[in-house]
Amino acid sequence: MTDKPTAAAREHMHKLADKGLKEPKLLTKEEVISLGQHVAKEHGHATEAEHEIAKKAQHNPEGVTVTEIKTLCSHIKGERTAR
């Protein structure tokens, strides 16, 4: 069995990232955790700063700032410019 996400899972994550880029304050605690888990799995693709934000999102989702949420979402969308 492989760890690669299915097309449906990728689509869901991209929709969640779109929502986070447009309205980061409307994300639920569970959605922030999900974004963090996704970015944390990306060994070698995420920067050290993105990994730190991902860990924070998983352990303290209420403490993640709007800028940090946008950084995670931008990473998922492939636009790692929001730092």
Protein backbone atom coordinates (compact mmCIF):
# COMPACT_ATOMS: atom_id res chain seq x y z
CA MET A 1 0.00 0.00 0.00
CA THR A 2 1.24 3.50 -0.77
CA ASP A 3 1.21 6.74 1.20
CA LYS A 4 0.31 8.80 -1.87
CA PRO A 5 -2.95 10.70 -1.47
CA THR A 6 -5.83 9.84 -3.75
CA ALA A 7 -7.08 12.33 -6.30
CA ALA A 8 -10.09 13.04 -4.09
CA ALA A 9 -7.88 13.67 -1.06
CA ARG A 10 -5.63 16.01 -3.07
CA GLU A 11 -8.66 17.87 -4.38
CA HIS A 12 -10.06 18.23 -0.86
CA MET A 13 -6.73 19.56 0.44
CA HIS A 14 -6.50 22.06 -2.43
CA LYS A 15 -10.04 23.29 -1.74
CA LEU A 16 -9.15 23.68 1.93
CA ALA A 17 -6.00 25.60 0.94
CA ASP A 18 -8.09 27.86 -1.31
CA LYS A 19 -10.42 28.56 1.60
CA GLY A 20 -7.46 29.27 3.88
CA LEU A 21 -5.95 31.72 1.41
CA LYS A 22 -9.23 33.59 0.98
CA GLU A 23 -10.63 33.44 4.53
CA PRO A 24 -8.01 32.09 6.96
CA LYS A 25 -9.93 33.23 10.04
CA LEU A 26 -12.89 31.05 9.07
CA LEU A 27 -10.95 27.78 9.20
CA THR A 28 -11.89 25.44 12.01
CA LYS A 29 -9.40 24.02 14.47
CA GLU A 30 -9.63 20.65 12.69
CA GLU A 31 -8.95 22.25 9.30
CA VAL A 32 -5.83 24.01 10.61
CA ILE A 33 -4.62 20.70 12.06
CA SER A 34 -5.28 19.00 8.70
CA LEU A 35 -3.22 21.63 6.85
CA GLY A 36 -0.39 21.15 9.34
CA GLN A 37 -0.47 17.37 9.01
CA HIS A 38 -0.35 17.59 5.23
CA VAL A 39 2.64 19.95 5.14
CA ALA A 40 4.45 17.99 7.87
CA LYS A 41 4.30 14.84 5.69
CA GLU A 42 6.14 16.57 2.86
CA HIS A 43 9.72 15.64 3.75
CA GLY A 44 12.17 17.43 1.50
CA HIS A 45 9.52 19.59 -0.15
CA ALA A 46 8.66 21.92 2.72
CA THR A 47 11.15 24.43 4.07
CA GLU A 48 12.28 24.34 7.68
CA ALA A 49 10.03 27.33 8.44
CA GLU A 50 7.05 25.55 6.87
CA HIS A 51 7.78 22.45 8.97
CA GLU A 52 7.87 24.57 12.15
CA ILE A 53 4.52 26.16 11.26
CA ALA A 54 3.09 22.72 10.45
CA LYS A 55 4.16 21.38 13.87
CA LYS A 56 2.64 24.43 15.56
CA ALA A 57 -0.61 23.95 13.61
CA GLN A 58 -0.85 20.35 14.79
CA HIS A 59 -0.11 21.06 18.46
CA ASN A 60 -1.61 24.54 18.94
CA PRO A 61 -4.01 25.31 16.07
CA GLU A 62 -5.54 28.26 17.94
CA GLY A 63 -2.11 29.90 18.16
CA VAL A 64 -1.43 29.85 14.42
CA THR A 65 -1.52 33.32 12.88
CA VAL A 66 -3.25 34.31 9.64
CA THR A 67 0.15 34.69 7.97
CA GLU A 68 1.18 31.20 9.08
CA ILE A 69 -2.08 29.70 7.79
CA LYS A 70 -1.51 31.41 4.45
CA THR A 71 2.04 30.02 4.36
CA LEU A 72 0.74 26.47 4.81
CA CYS A 73 -1.97 27.02 2.20
CA SER A 74 0.49 28.55 -0.26
CA HIS A 75 2.77 25.55 0.17
CA ILE A 76 -0.09 23.18 -0.60
CA LYS A 77 -1.07 25.22 -3.66
CA GLY A 78 2.57 25.21 -4.80
CA GLU A 79 3.06 28.92 -4.23
CA ARG A 80 5.64 29.12 -1.49
CA THR A 81 5.89 32.90 -1.66
CA ALA A 82 3.83 33.84 1.44
CA ARG A 83 6.39 33.87 4.23
